[in-house]
Amino acid sequence: MHEFSCTDAADMYYGTLADRVRFFKESKEGIEIMCRAMEDMRNQTLKEGAINSAKRMLADGILTLEKIAEYAGLPLDEVKKLKAERTA
């Protein structure tokens, strides 16, 4: 548990874990990998939010599919697919 509370790899007891932490926090390549991973997670979260919003709009039944796609920021084909899944 000590390792999870360390903010500096030099304070870690396990060399292998400390080496990996150093790589991801201190090397240019490691930092780029972590930045890409964080960006991918952010994009996935945004996409999930847009899909959930579109599903709520579909359930409401007031808006056209085109307006739902526009407001949710999703492609029209994806909104059509969500509607088909909802009615299936």
N, C-alpha and C. Protein backbone atom coordinates (compact mmCIF):
# COMPACT_ATOMS: atom_id res chain seq x y z
N MET A 1 0.81 -1.19 0.00
CA MET A 1 0.00 0.00 0.00
C MET A 1 0.86 1.26 0.00
N HIS A 2 2.06 1.14 0.52
CA HIS A 2 2.96 2.29 0.57
C HIS A 2 3.18 2.88 -0.83
N GLU A 3 3.35 2.01 -1.80
CA GLU A 3 3.65 2.46 -3.16
C GLU A 3 2.55 3.35 -3.73
N PHE A 4 1.30 3.08 -3.39
CA PHE A 4 0.18 3.84 -3.95
C PHE A 4 0.10 5.26 -3.40
N SER A 5 0.71 5.48 -2.24
CA SER A 5 0.67 6.82 -1.66
C SER A 5 1.92 7.65 -2.00
N CYS A 6 2.88 7.04 -2.66
CA CYS A 6 4.11 7.75 -3.01
C CYS A 6 3.87 8.70 -4.19
N THR A 7 4.42 9.89 -4.08
CA THR A 7 4.34 10.83 -5.20
C THR A 7 5.66 10.88 -5.96
N ASP A 8 6.69 10.27 -5.40
CA ASP A 8 8.01 10.25 -6.02
C ASP A 8 8.49 8.81 -6.13
N ALA A 9 8.92 8.42 -7.30
CA ALA A 9 9.38 7.04 -7.52
C ALA A 9 10.56 6.70 -6.62
N ALA A 10 11.35 7.68 -6.23
CA ALA A 10 12.51 7.43 -5.37
C ALA A 10 12.10 6.93 -3.99
N ASP A 11 10.87 7.19 -3.58
CA ASP A 11 10.38 6.76 -2.28
C ASP A 11 9.80 5.35 -2.29
N MET A 12 9.72 4.73 -3.45
CA MET A 12 9.11 3.42 -3.57
C MET A 12 10.11 2.31 -3.20
N TYR A 13 9.57 1.22 -2.65
CA TYR A 13 10.39 0.10 -2.23
C TYR A 13 10.66 -0.89 -3.37
N TYR A 14 9.71 -1.04 -4.30
CA TYR A 14 9.83 -2.04 -5.35
C TYR A 14 10.40 -1.42 -6.61
N GLY A 15 11.58 -1.89 -6.96
CA GLY A 15 12.32 -1.30 -8.08
C GLY A 15 11.59 -1.32 -9.41
N THR A 16 10.95 -2.44 -9.72
CA THR A 16 10.25 -2.55 -11.00
C THR A 16 9.13 -1.53 -11.10
N LEU A 17 8.36 -1.40 -10.05
CA LEU A 17 7.27 -0.44 -10.05
C LEU A 17 7.82 0.99 -10.10
N ALA A 18 8.88 1.25 -9.36
CA ALA A 18 9.50 2.58 -9.38
C ALA A 18 10.01 2.92 -10.77
N ASP A 19 10.60 1.95 -11.45
CA ASP A 19 11.09 2.19 -12.81
C ASP A 19 9.95 2.55 -13.76
N ARG A 20 8.84 1.84 -13.64
CA ARG A 20 7.69 2.14 -14.52
C ARG A 20 7.10 3.52 -14.20
N VAL A 21 7.03 3.85 -12.93
CA VAL A 21 6.53 5.17 -12.55
C VAL A 21 7.45 6.26 -13.11
N ARG A 22 8.74 6.05 -12.98
CA ARG A 22 9.70 7.01 -13.55
C ARG A 22 9.49 7.16 -15.05
N PHE A 23 9.31 6.04 -15.74
CA PHE A 23 9.11 6.07 -17.19
C PHE A 23 7.88 6.92 -17.54
N PHE A 24 6.76 6.64 -16.88
CA PHE A 24 5.53 7.33 -17.25
C PHE A 24 5.47 8.77 -16.75
N LYS A 25 6.23 9.10 -15.73
CA LYS A 25 6.18 10.46 -15.19
C LYS A 25 7.34 11.34 -15.63
N GLU A 26 8.47 10.73 -15.99
CA GLU A 26 9.66 11.53 -16.22
C GLU A 26 10.23 11.48 -17.63
N SER A 27 9.90 10.45 -18.40
CA SER A 27 10.44 10.39 -19.77
C SER A 27 9.45 11.00 -20.75
N LYS A 28 9.97 11.59 -21.79
CA LYS A 28 9.12 12.22 -22.80
C LYS A 28 8.15 11.20 -23.41
N GLU A 29 8.66 10.02 -23.74
CA GLU A 29 7.82 8.98 -24.33
C GLU A 29 6.72 8.53 -23.37
N GLY A 30 7.08 8.32 -22.12
CA GLY A 30 6.10 7.89 -21.12
C GLY A 30 5.02 8.93 -20.90
N ILE A 31 5.42 10.19 -20.84
CA ILE A 31 4.45 11.27 -20.65
C ILE A 31 3.50 11.34 -21.84
N GLU A 32 4.03 11.17 -23.06
CA GLU A 32 3.17 11.18 -24.25
C GLU A 32 2.18 10.03 -24.23
N ILE A 33 2.61 8.86 -23.79
CA ILE A 33 1.72 7.69 -23.69
C ILE A 33 0.60 7.98 -22.70
N MET A 34 0.95 8.53 -21.55
CA MET A 34 -0.05 8.84 -20.53
C MET A 34 -1.01 9.92 -21.01
N CYS A 35 -0.50 10.92 -21.70
CA CYS A 35 -1.37 11.99 -22.22
C CYS A 35 -2.37 11.42 -23.23
N ARG A 36 -1.90 10.54 -24.10
CA ARG A 36 -2.81 9.91 -25.07
C ARG A 36 -3.87 9.07 -24.36
N ALA A 37 -3.44 8.33 -23.33
CA ALA A 37 -4.39 7.50 -22.59
C ALA A 37 -5.44 8.36 -21.90
N MET A 38 -5.03 9.46 -21.31
CA MET A 38 -5.97 10.37 -20.64
C MET A 38 -6.91 11.01 -21.66
N GLU A 39 -6.39 11.39 -22.81
CA GLU A 39 -7.22 11.98 -23.86
C GLU A 39 -8.25 10.97 -24.37
N ASP A 40 -7.82 9.72 -24.55
CA ASP A 40 -8.74 8.66 -24.98
C ASP A 40 -9.86 8.46 -23.96
N MET A 41 -9.51 8.45 -22.68
CA MET A 41 -10.53 8.29 -21.63
C MET A 41 -11.49 9.47 -21.63
N ARG A 42 -10.96 10.67 -21.81
CA ARG A 42 -11.80 11.87 -21.87
C ARG A 42 -12.77 11.79 -23.04
N ASN A 43 -12.26 11.42 -24.20
CA ASN A 43 -13.12 11.32 -25.38
C ASN A 43 -14.20 10.26 -25.21
N GLN A 44 -13.84 9.15 -24.60
CA GLN A 44 -14.81 8.08 -24.36
C GLN A 44 -15.90 8.56 -23.42
N THR A 45 -15.52 9.29 -22.38
CA THR A 45 -16.49 9.82 -21.43
C THR A 45 -17.43 10.81 -22.10
N LEU A 46 -16.88 11.69 -22.94
CA LEU A 46 -17.72 12.64 -23.67
C LEU A 46 -18.70 11.92 -24.60
N LYS A 47 -18.21 10.89 -25.28
CA LYS A 47 -19.05 10.12 -26.20
C LYS A 47 -20.18 9.43 -25.43
N GLU A 48 -19.86 8.84 -24.29
CA GLU A 48 -20.88 8.18 -23.48
C GLU A 48 -21.93 9.18 -23.01
N GLY A 49 -21.49 10.39 -22.65
CA GLY A 49 -22.43 11.43 -22.24
C GLY A 49 -23.35 11.83 -23.38
N ALA A 50 -22.80 11.97 -24.58
CA ALA A 50 -23.61 12.33 -25.75
C ALA A 50 -24.62 11.24 -26.06
N ILE A 51 -24.20 10.00 -25.96
CA ILE A 51 -25.12 8.87 -26.21
C ILE A 51 -26.24 8.86 -25.18
N ASN A 52 -25.90 9.07 -23.92
CA ASN A 52 -26.93 9.10 -22.88
C ASN A 52 -27.92 10.24 -23.10
N SER A 53 -27.42 11.40 -23.50
CA SER A 53 -28.30 12.53 -23.80
C SER A 53 -29.22 12.20 -24.97
N ALA A 54 -28.66 11.60 -26.00
CA ALA A 54 -29.47 11.22 -27.16
C ALA A 54 -30.55 10.21 -26.77
N LYS A 55 -30.21 9.28 -25.92
CA LYS A 55 -31.20 8.28 -25.48
C LYS A 55 -32.33 8.95 -24.71
N ARG A 56 -32.00 9.92 -23.87
CA ARG A 56 -33.05 10.63 -23.14
C ARG A 56 -33.95 11.42 -24.09
N MET A 57 -33.33 12.05 -25.10
CA MET A 57 -34.12 12.80 -26.07
C MET A 57 -35.02 11.86 -26.88
N LEU A 58 -34.49 10.70 -27.23
CA LEU A 58 -35.30 9.72 -27.96
C LEU A 58 -36.48 9.27 -27.11
N ALA A 59 -36.24 9.05 -25.82
CA ALA A 59 -37.31 8.60 -24.93
C ALA A 59 -38.39 9.67 -24.80
N ASP A 60 -37.97 10.93 -24.85
CA ASP A 60 -38.93 12.03 -24.76
C ASP A 60 -39.85 12.07 -25.98
N GLY A 61 -39.30 11.72 -27.14
CA GLY A 61 -40.10 11.60 -28.35
C GLY A 61 -40.54 12.89 -29.00
N ILE A 62 -40.01 14.02 -28.58
CA ILE A 62 -40.45 15.30 -29.14
C ILE A 62 -39.60 15.74 -30.33
N LEU A 63 -38.31 15.56 -30.24
CA LEU A 63 -37.39 16.05 -31.26
C LEU A 63 -37.25 15.07 -32.42
N THR A 64 -36.90 15.64 -33.58
CA THR A 64 -36.59 14.79 -34.74
C THR A 64 -35.23 14.15 -34.54
N LEU A 65 -34.98 13.10 -35.27
CA LEU A 65 -33.67 12.45 -35.19
C LEU A 65 -32.56 13.40 -35.58
N GLU A 66 -32.82 14.25 -36.54
CA GLU A 66 -31.82 15.21 -37.00
C GLU A 66 -31.46 16.20 -35.89
N LYS A 67 -32.48 16.69 -35.17
CA LYS A 67 -32.24 17.63 -34.07
C LYS A 67 -31.50 16.94 -32.92
N ILE A 68 -31.86 15.70 -32.63
CA ILE A 68 -31.17 14.96 -31.58
C ILE A 68 -29.70 14.80 -31.94
N ALA A 69 -29.43 14.45 -33.19
CA ALA A 69 -28.04 14.31 -33.64
C ALA A 69 -27.30 15.63 -33.49
N GLU A 70 -27.95 16.71 -33.88
CA GLU A 70 -27.33 18.03 -33.79
C GLU A 70 -27.05 18.41 -32.33
N TYR A 71 -28.03 18.27 -31.47
CA TYR A 71 -27.89 18.68 -30.08
C TYR A 71 -26.91 17.79 -29.30
N ALA A 72 -26.92 16.50 -29.60
CA ALA A 72 -26.03 15.58 -28.89
C ALA A 72 -24.62 15.56 -29.49
N GLY A 73 -24.48 16.09 -30.70
CA GLY A 73 -23.17 16.08 -31.35
C GLY A 73 -22.78 14.71 -31.86
N LEU A 74 -23.78 13.95 -32.26
CA LEU A 74 -23.55 12.60 -32.79
C LEU A 74 -23.94 12.55 -34.26
N PRO A 75 -23.35 11.61 -35.01
CA PRO A 75 -23.78 11.42 -36.39
C PRO A 75 -25.23 10.92 -36.42
N LEU A 76 -25.96 11.32 -37.44
CA LEU A 76 -27.36 10.92 -37.58
C LEU A 76 -27.49 9.40 -37.61
N ASP A 77 -26.57 8.72 -38.29
CA ASP A 77 -26.62 7.26 -38.35
C ASP A 77 -26.55 6.63 -36.96
N GLU A 78 -25.77 7.23 -36.09
CA GLU A 78 -25.65 6.68 -34.73
C GLU A 78 -26.95 6.88 -33.95
N VAL A 79 -27.59 8.02 -34.13
CA VAL A 79 -28.88 8.27 -33.47
C VAL A 79 -29.92 7.28 -34.00
N LYS A 80 -29.91 7.03 -35.30
CA LYS A 80 -30.85 6.06 -35.88
C LYS A 80 -30.61 4.67 -35.28
N LYS A 81 -29.35 4.33 -35.10
CA LYS A 81 -29.00 3.03 -34.51
C LYS A 81 -29.51 2.96 -33.06
N LEU A 82 -29.33 4.05 -32.30
CA LEU A 82 -29.81 4.08 -30.92
C LEU A 82 -31.33 3.92 -30.88
N LYS A 83 -32.02 4.54 -31.81
CA LYS A 83 -33.48 4.41 -31.86
C LYS A 83 -33.89 2.99 -32.18
N ALA A 84 -33.17 2.37 -33.12
CA ALA A 84 -33.47 0.98 -33.49
C ALA A 84 -33.24 0.04 -32.30
N GLU A 85 -32.19 0.27 -31.56
CA GLU A 85 -31.89 -0.56 -30.37
C GLU A 85 -32.97 -0.38 -29.31
N ARG A 86 -33.46 0.84 -29.21
CA ARG A 86 -34.48 1.16 -28.21
C ARG A 86 -35.79 0.46 -28.50
N THR A 87 -36.13 0.36 -29.77
CA THR A 87 -37.41 -0.24 -30.15
C THR A 87 -37.31 -1.74 -30.35
N ALA A 88 -36.10 -2.27 -30.37
CA ALA A 88 -35.92 -3.72 -30.59
C ALA A 88 -36.25 -4.53 -29.36
